[in-house]
Every structure is written in C-alpha cells, then in structure tokens.
Amino acid sequence: MAEIINLRMARKHKARADKAAQAAQNRISFGRTKAEKQLSAAQKALADKKIAGHQRDDKDQETP
C-alpha cells in the first residue's frame, strides 16, 4: 500500500523549502560586505570613465 501523507503538511514543508532556497539565493546576491560593495562601485566608475573617454564628439566635426 501507498504511504498516507497529510497534504496540508506537505504543502507547508514545500513552502518552507522554497523559502529556504530563496533565502540562500538572496544571501549570495545581496550578502556582500561594505568593502566588496565599494570595490565593485569603484570598478564600475572606472569602467564608465574609460568608456566615456572613448566617445566621439560629433558636434565638433559638423560643418556650418
């Protein structure tokens, strides 16, 4: 015979497992130290500055 399970409890266990998996993903995504956040912000600023330095100014080359 099949094992009898309580569906209400099974749903609760599944919800708890889903919440735990989401919490683990959030810890990976958002659980960074202040130093790590500052480092990534500095790297992004440097990359933006480098890209901005390579942009062309088309208004300088327009002929009147």
PDB file of N, CA and C in Angstrom:
ATOM      1  N   MET A   1       0.832  -1.194   0.000  1.00  0.00           N
ATOM      2  CA  MET A   1       0.000   0.000   0.000  1.00  0.00           C
ATOM      3  C   MET A   1       0.873   1.252   0.000  1.00  0.00           C
ATOM      4  N   ALA A   2       0.282   2.307  -0.463  1.00  0.00           N
ATOM      5  CA  ALA A   2       0.990   3.586  -0.505  1.00  0.00           C
ATOM      6  C   ALA A   2       0.992   4.229   0.872  1.00  0.00           C
ATOM      7  N   GLU A   3       1.986   5.044   1.067  1.00  0.00           N
ATOM      8  CA  GLU A   3       2.094   5.745   2.348  1.00  0.00           C
ATOM      9  C   GLU A   3       1.113   6.906   2.368  1.00  0.00           C
ATOM     10  N   ILE A   4       0.394   7.047   3.433  1.00  0.00           N
ATOM     11  CA  ILE A   4      -0.580   8.126   3.561  1.00  0.00           C
ATOM     12  C   ILE A   4       0.151   9.375   4.050  1.00  0.00           C
ATOM     13  N   ILE A   5      -0.075  10.487   3.321  1.00  0.00           N
ATOM     14  CA  ILE A   5       0.566  11.739   3.719  1.00  0.00           C
ATOM     15  C   ILE A   5      -0.498  12.804   3.922  1.00  0.00           C
ATOM     16  N   ASN A   6      -0.193  13.734   4.772  1.00  0.00           N
ATOM     17  CA  ASN A   6      -1.078  14.856   5.026  1.00  0.00           C
ATOM     18  C   ASN A   6      -0.713  15.950   4.019  1.00  0.00           C
ATOM     19  N   LEU A   7      -1.624  16.287   3.119  1.00  0.00           N
ATOM     20  CA  LEU A   7      -1.334  17.248   2.060  1.00  0.00           C
ATOM     21  C   LEU A   7      -1.072  18.641   2.612  1.00  0.00           C
ATOM     22  N   ARG A   8      -1.753  19.006   3.670  1.00  0.00           N
ATOM     23  CA  ARG A   8      -1.537  20.323   4.273  1.00  0.00           C
ATOM     24  C   ARG A   8      -0.107  20.435   4.789  1.00  0.00           C
ATOM     25  N   MET A   9       0.361  19.407   5.440  1.00  0.00           N
ATOM     26  CA  MET A   9       1.728  19.422   5.957  1.00  0.00           C
ATOM     27  C   MET A   9       2.744  19.363   4.810  1.00  0.00           C
ATOM     28  N   ALA A  10       2.424  18.617   3.764  1.00  0.00           N
ATOM     29  CA  ALA A  10       3.329  18.535   2.616  1.00  0.00           C
ATOM     30  C   ALA A  10       3.469  19.914   1.954  1.00  0.00           C
ATOM     31  N   ARG A  11       2.356  20.649   1.825  1.00  0.00           N
ATOM     32  CA  ARG A  11       2.418  21.997   1.257  1.00  0.00           C
ATOM     33  C   ARG A  11       3.248  22.917   2.135  1.00  0.00           C
ATOM     34  N   LYS A  12       3.087  22.809   3.443  1.00  0.00           N
ATOM     35  CA  LYS A  12       3.863  23.645   4.363  1.00  0.00           C
ATOM     36  C   LYS A  12       5.353  23.320   4.269  1.00  0.00           C
ATOM     37  N   HIS A  13       5.700  22.054   4.183  1.00  0.00           N
ATOM     38  CA  HIS A  13       7.109  21.663   4.061  1.00  0.00           C
ATOM     39  C   HIS A  13       7.706  22.178   2.748  1.00  0.00           C
ATOM     40  N   LYS A  14       6.912  22.089   1.673  1.00  0.00           N
ATOM     41  CA  LYS A  14       7.383  22.587   0.382  1.00  0.00           C
ATOM     42  C   LYS A  14       7.575  24.103   0.431  1.00  0.00           C
ATOM     43  N   ALA A  15       6.651  24.815   1.064  1.00  0.00           N
ATOM     44  CA  ALA A  15       6.771  26.274   1.174  1.00  0.00           C
ATOM     45  C   ALA A  15       8.003  26.645   1.983  1.00  0.00           C
ATOM     46  N   ARG A  16       8.275  25.924   3.044  1.00  0.00           N
ATOM     47  CA  ARG A  16       9.456  26.199   3.859  1.00  0.00           C
ATOM     48  C   ARG A  16      10.739  25.948   3.070  1.00  0.00           C
ATOM     49  N   ALA A  17      10.748  24.878   2.295  1.00  0.00           N
ATOM     50  CA  ALA A  17      11.928  24.562   1.489  1.00  0.00           C
ATOM     51  C   ALA A  17      12.145  25.630   0.418  1.00  0.00           C
ATOM     52  N   ASP A  18      11.053  26.101  -0.200  1.00  0.00           N
ATOM     53  CA  ASP A  18      11.165  27.163  -1.202  1.00  0.00           C
ATOM     54  C   ASP A  18      11.687  28.453  -0.586  1.00  0.00           C
ATOM     55  N   LYS A  19      11.203  28.780   0.606  1.00  0.00           N
ATOM     56  CA  LYS A  19      11.675  29.986   1.301  1.00  0.00           C
ATOM     57  C   LYS A  19      13.153  29.873   1.645  1.00  0.00           C
ATOM     58  N   ALA A  20      13.578  28.700   2.058  1.00  0.00           N
ATOM     59  CA  ALA A  20      14.981  28.496   2.406  1.00  0.00           C
ATOM     60  C   ALA A  20      15.860  28.621   1.162  1.00  0.00           C
ATOM     61  N   ALA A  21      15.386  28.099   0.041  1.00  0.00           N
ATOM     62  CA  ALA A  21      16.159  28.206  -1.200  1.00  0.00           C
ATOM     63  C   ALA A  21      16.256  29.660  -1.643  1.00  0.00           C
ATOM     64  N   GLN A  22      15.158  30.419  -1.521  1.00  0.00           N
ATOM     65  CA  GLN A  22      15.170  31.836  -1.883  1.00  0.00           C
ATOM     66  C   GLN A  22      16.099  32.618  -0.959  1.00  0.00           C
ATOM     67  N   ALA A  23      16.090  32.296   0.320  1.00  0.00           N
ATOM     68  CA  ALA A  23      16.965  32.974   1.278  1.00  0.00           C
ATOM     69  C   ALA A  23      18.433  32.697   0.952  1.00  0.00           C
ATOM     70  N   ALA A  24      18.739  31.484   0.567  1.00  0.00           N
ATOM     71  CA  ALA A  24      20.114  31.146   0.199  1.00  0.00           C
ATOM     72  C   ALA A  24      20.548  31.933  -1.038  1.00  0.00           C
ATOM     73  N   GLN A  25      19.646  32.050  -2.013  1.00  0.00           N
ATOM     74  CA  GLN A  25      19.963  32.820  -3.220  1.00  0.00           C
ATOM     75  C   GLN A  25      20.162  34.294  -2.884  1.00  0.00           C
ATOM     76  N   ASN A  26      19.332  34.837  -2.005  1.00  0.00           N
ATOM     77  CA  ASN A  26      19.473  36.238  -1.593  1.00  0.00           C
ATOM     78  C   ASN A  26      20.776  36.476  -0.842  1.00  0.00           C
ATOM     79  N   ARG A  27      21.191  35.522  -0.048  1.00  0.00           N
ATOM     80  CA  ARG A  27      22.466  35.671   0.667  1.00  0.00           C
ATOM     81  C   ARG A  27      23.620  35.755  -0.310  1.00  0.00           C
ATOM     82  N   ILE A  28      23.524  34.989  -1.385  1.00  0.00           N
ATOM     83  CA  ILE A  28      24.575  35.032  -2.401  1.00  0.00           C
ATOM     84  C   ILE A  28      24.531  36.363  -3.140  1.00  0.00           C
ATOM     85  N   SER A  29      23.328  36.807  -3.500  1.00  0.00           N
ATOM     86  CA  SER A  29      23.187  38.012  -4.312  1.00  0.00           C
ATOM     87  C   SER A  29      23.456  39.291  -3.539  1.00  0.00           C
ATOM     88  N   PHE A  30      22.915  39.402  -2.343  1.00  0.00           N
ATOM     89  CA  PHE A  30      22.941  40.661  -1.622  1.00  0.00           C
ATOM     90  C   PHE A  30      23.837  40.659  -0.394  1.00  0.00           C
ATOM     91  N   GLY A  31      24.350  39.528  -0.021  1.00  0.00           N
ATOM     92  CA  GLY A  31      25.127  39.422   1.204  1.00  0.00           C
ATOM     93  C   GLY A  31      26.591  39.753   0.996  1.00  0.00           C
ATOM     94  N   ARG A  32      26.875  40.964   0.546  1.00  0.00           N
ATOM     95  CA  ARG A  32      28.259  41.364   0.330  1.00  0.00           C
ATOM     96  C   ARG A  32      28.683  42.331   1.423  1.00  0.00           C
ATOM     97  N   THR A  33      29.948  42.341   1.718  1.00  0.00           N
ATOM     98  CA  THR A  33      30.460  43.259   2.725  1.00  0.00           C
ATOM     99  C   THR A  33      30.551  44.665   2.146  1.00  0.00           C
ATOM    100  N   LYS A  34      30.717  45.633   3.019  1.00  0.00           N
ATOM    101  CA  LYS A  34      30.816  47.024   2.586  1.00  0.00           C
ATOM    102  C   LYS A  34      32.023  47.216   1.676  1.00  0.00           C
ATOM    103  N   ALA A  35      33.135  46.581   2.004  1.00  0.00           N
ATOM    104  CA  ALA A  35      34.346  46.696   1.195  1.00  0.00           C
ATOM    105  C   ALA A  35      34.120  46.129  -0.205  1.00  0.00           C
ATOM    106  N   GLU A  36      33.410  45.006  -0.310  1.00  0.00           N
ATOM    107  CA  GLU A  36      33.125  44.420  -1.614  1.00  0.00           C
ATOM    108  C   GLU A  36      32.231  45.343  -2.438  1.00  0.00           C
ATOM    109  N   LYS A  37      31.244  45.966  -1.791  1.00  0.00           N
ATOM    110  CA  LYS A  37      30.357  46.902  -2.485  1.00  0.00           C
ATOM    111  C   LYS A  37      31.142  48.116  -2.979  1.00  0.00           C
ATOM    112  N   GLN A  38      32.032  48.641  -2.144  1.00  0.00           N
ATOM    113  CA  GLN A  38      32.828  49.797  -2.539  1.00  0.00           C
ATOM    114  C   GLN A  38      33.777  49.446  -3.681  1.00  0.00           C
ATOM    115  N   LEU A  39      34.359  48.261  -3.624  1.00  0.00           N
ATOM    116  CA  LEU A  39      35.264  47.820  -4.686  1.00  0.00           C
ATOM    117  C   LEU A  39      34.532  47.707  -6.018  1.00  0.00           C
ATOM    118  N   SER A  40      33.365  47.092  -6.015  1.00  0.00           N
ATOM    119  CA  SER A  40      32.620  46.954  -7.270  1.00  0.00           C
ATOM    120  C   SER A  40      32.139  48.314  -7.770  1.00  0.00           C
ATOM    121  N   ALA A  41      31.778  49.235  -6.877  1.00  0.00           N
ATOM    122  CA  ALA A  41      31.370  50.579  -7.293  1.00  0.00           C
ATOM    123  C   ALA A  41      32.550  51.325  -7.914  1.00  0.00           C
ATOM    124  N   ALA A  42      33.735  51.171  -7.336  1.00  0.00           N
ATOM    125  CA  ALA A  42      34.922  51.825  -7.876  1.00  0.00           C
ATOM    126  C   ALA A  42      35.279  51.245  -9.248  1.00  0.00           C
ATOM    127  N   GLN A  43      35.167  49.937  -9.402  1.00  0.00           N
ATOM    128  CA  GLN A  43      35.451  49.308 -10.687  1.00  0.00           C
ATOM    129  C   GLN A  43      34.456  49.756 -11.746  1.00  0.00           C
ATOM    130  N   LYS A  44      33.184  49.893 -11.359  1.00  0.00           N
ATOM    131  CA  LYS A  44      32.169  50.341 -12.304  1.00  0.00           C
ATOM    132  C   LYS A  44      32.427  51.794 -12.703  1.00  0.00           C
ATOM    133  N   ALA A  45      32.795  52.639 -11.746  1.00  0.00           N
ATOM    134  CA  ALA A  45      33.082  54.046 -12.052  1.00  0.00           C
ATOM    135  C   ALA A  45      34.277  54.153 -12.998  1.00  0.00           C
ATOM    136  N   LEU A  46      35.291  53.346 -12.771  1.00  0.00           N
ATOM    137  CA  LEU A  46      36.468  53.352 -13.634  1.00  0.00           C
ATOM    138  C   LEU A  46      36.109  52.911 -15.056  1.00  0.00           C
ATOM    139  N   ALA A  47      35.297  51.885 -15.171  1.00  0.00           N
ATOM    140  CA  ALA A  47      34.874  51.407 -16.487  1.00  0.00           C
ATOM    141  C   ALA A  47      34.029  52.462 -17.191  1.00  0.00           C
ATOM    142  N   ASP A  48      33.129  53.127 -16.474  1.00  0.00           N
ATOM    143  CA  ASP A  48      32.310  54.180 -17.068  1.00  0.00           C
ATOM    144  C   ASP A  48      33.174  55.340 -17.542  1.00  0.00           C
ATOM    145  N   LYS A  49      34.179  55.707 -16.755  1.00  0.00           N
ATOM    146  CA  LYS A  49      35.075  56.802 -17.119  1.00  0.00           C
ATOM    147  C   LYS A  49      35.876  56.435 -18.373  1.00  0.00           C
ATOM    148  N   LYS A  50      36.303  55.184 -18.457  1.00  0.00           N
ATOM    149  CA  LYS A  50      37.080  54.726 -19.605  1.00  0.00           C
ATOM    150  C   LYS A  50      36.222  54.749 -20.871  1.00  0.00           C
ATOM    151  N   ILE A  51      34.981  54.304 -20.753  1.00  0.00           N
ATOM    152  CA  ILE A  51      34.072  54.301 -21.897  1.00  0.00           C
ATOM    153  C   ILE A  51      33.753  55.734 -22.318  1.00  0.00           C
ATOM    154  N   ALA A  52      33.514  56.609 -21.365  1.00  0.00           N
ATOM    155  CA  ALA A  52      33.194  57.999 -21.671  1.00  0.00           C
ATOM    156  C   ALA A  52      34.378  58.686 -22.359  1.00  0.00           C
ATOM    157  N   GLY A  53      35.577  58.307 -22.051  1.00  0.00           N
ATOM    158  CA  GLY A  53      36.747  58.892 -22.670  1.00  0.00           C
ATOM    159  C   GLY A  53      36.914  58.499 -24.121  1.00  0.00           C
ATOM    160  N   HIS A  54      36.286  57.403 -24.529  1.00  0.00           N
ATOM    161  CA  HIS A  54      36.410  56.932 -25.908  1.00  0.00           C
ATOM    162  C   HIS A  54      35.253  57.394 -26.794  1.00  0.00           C
ATOM    163  N   GLN A  55      34.316  58.149 -26.233  1.00  0.00           N
ATOM    164  CA  GLN A  55      33.184  58.602 -27.030  1.00  0.00           C
ATOM    165  C   GLN A  55      33.608  59.728 -27.961  1.00  0.00           C
ATOM    166  N   ARG A  56      32.984  59.754 -29.128  1.00  0.00           N
ATOM    167  CA  ARG A  56      33.272  60.798 -30.102  1.00  0.00           C
ATOM    168  C   ARG A  56      32.361  61.987 -29.856  1.00  0.00           C
ATOM    169  N   ASP A  57      32.876  63.161 -30.122  1.00  0.00           N
ATOM    170  CA  ASP A  57      32.073  64.365 -30.072  1.00  0.00           C
ATOM    171  C   ASP A  57      31.754  64.749 -31.511  1.00  0.00           C
ATOM    172  N   ASP A  58      30.571  64.392 -31.988  1.00  0.00           N
ATOM    173  CA  ASP A  58      30.193  64.660 -33.371  1.00  0.00           C
ATOM    174  C   ASP A  58      29.907  66.135 -33.614  1.00  0.00           C
ATOM    175  N   LYS A  59      29.553  66.866 -32.580  1.00  0.00           N
ATOM    176  CA  LYS A  59      29.234  68.273 -32.788  1.00  0.00           C
ATOM    177  C   LYS A  59      30.490  69.079 -33.115  1.00  0.00           C
ATOM    178  N   ASP A  60      31.679  68.605 -32.784  1.00  0.00           N
ATOM    179  CA  ASP A  60      32.921  69.289 -33.145  1.00  0.00           C
ATOM    180  C   ASP A  60      33.218  69.154 -34.644  1.00  0.00           C
ATOM    181  N   GLN A  61      32.734  68.104 -35.271  1.00  0.00           N
ATOM    182  CA  GLN A  61      33.068  67.842 -36.660  1.00  0.00           C
ATOM    183  C   GLN A  61      31.983  68.297 -37.635  1.00  0.00           C
ATOM    184  N   GLU A  62      30.932  68.916 -37.139  1.00  0.00           N
ATOM    185  CA  GLU A  62      29.872  69.402 -38.017  1.00  0.00           C
ATOM    186  C   GLU A  62      30.373  70.588 -38.838  1.00  0.00           C
ATOM    187  N   THR A  63      29.943  70.647 -40.095  1.00  0.00           N
ATOM    188  CA  THR A  63      30.308  71.784 -40.943  1.00  0.00           C
ATOM    189  C   THR A  63      29.154  72.758 -40.992  1.00  0.00           C
ATOM    190  N   PRO A  64      29.411  74.055 -40.821  1.00  0.00           N
ATOM    191  CA  PRO A  64      28.314  75.042 -40.837  1.00  0.00           C
ATOM    192  C   PRO A  64      27.807  75.352 -42.210  1.00  0.00           C
TER     193      PRO A  64
END
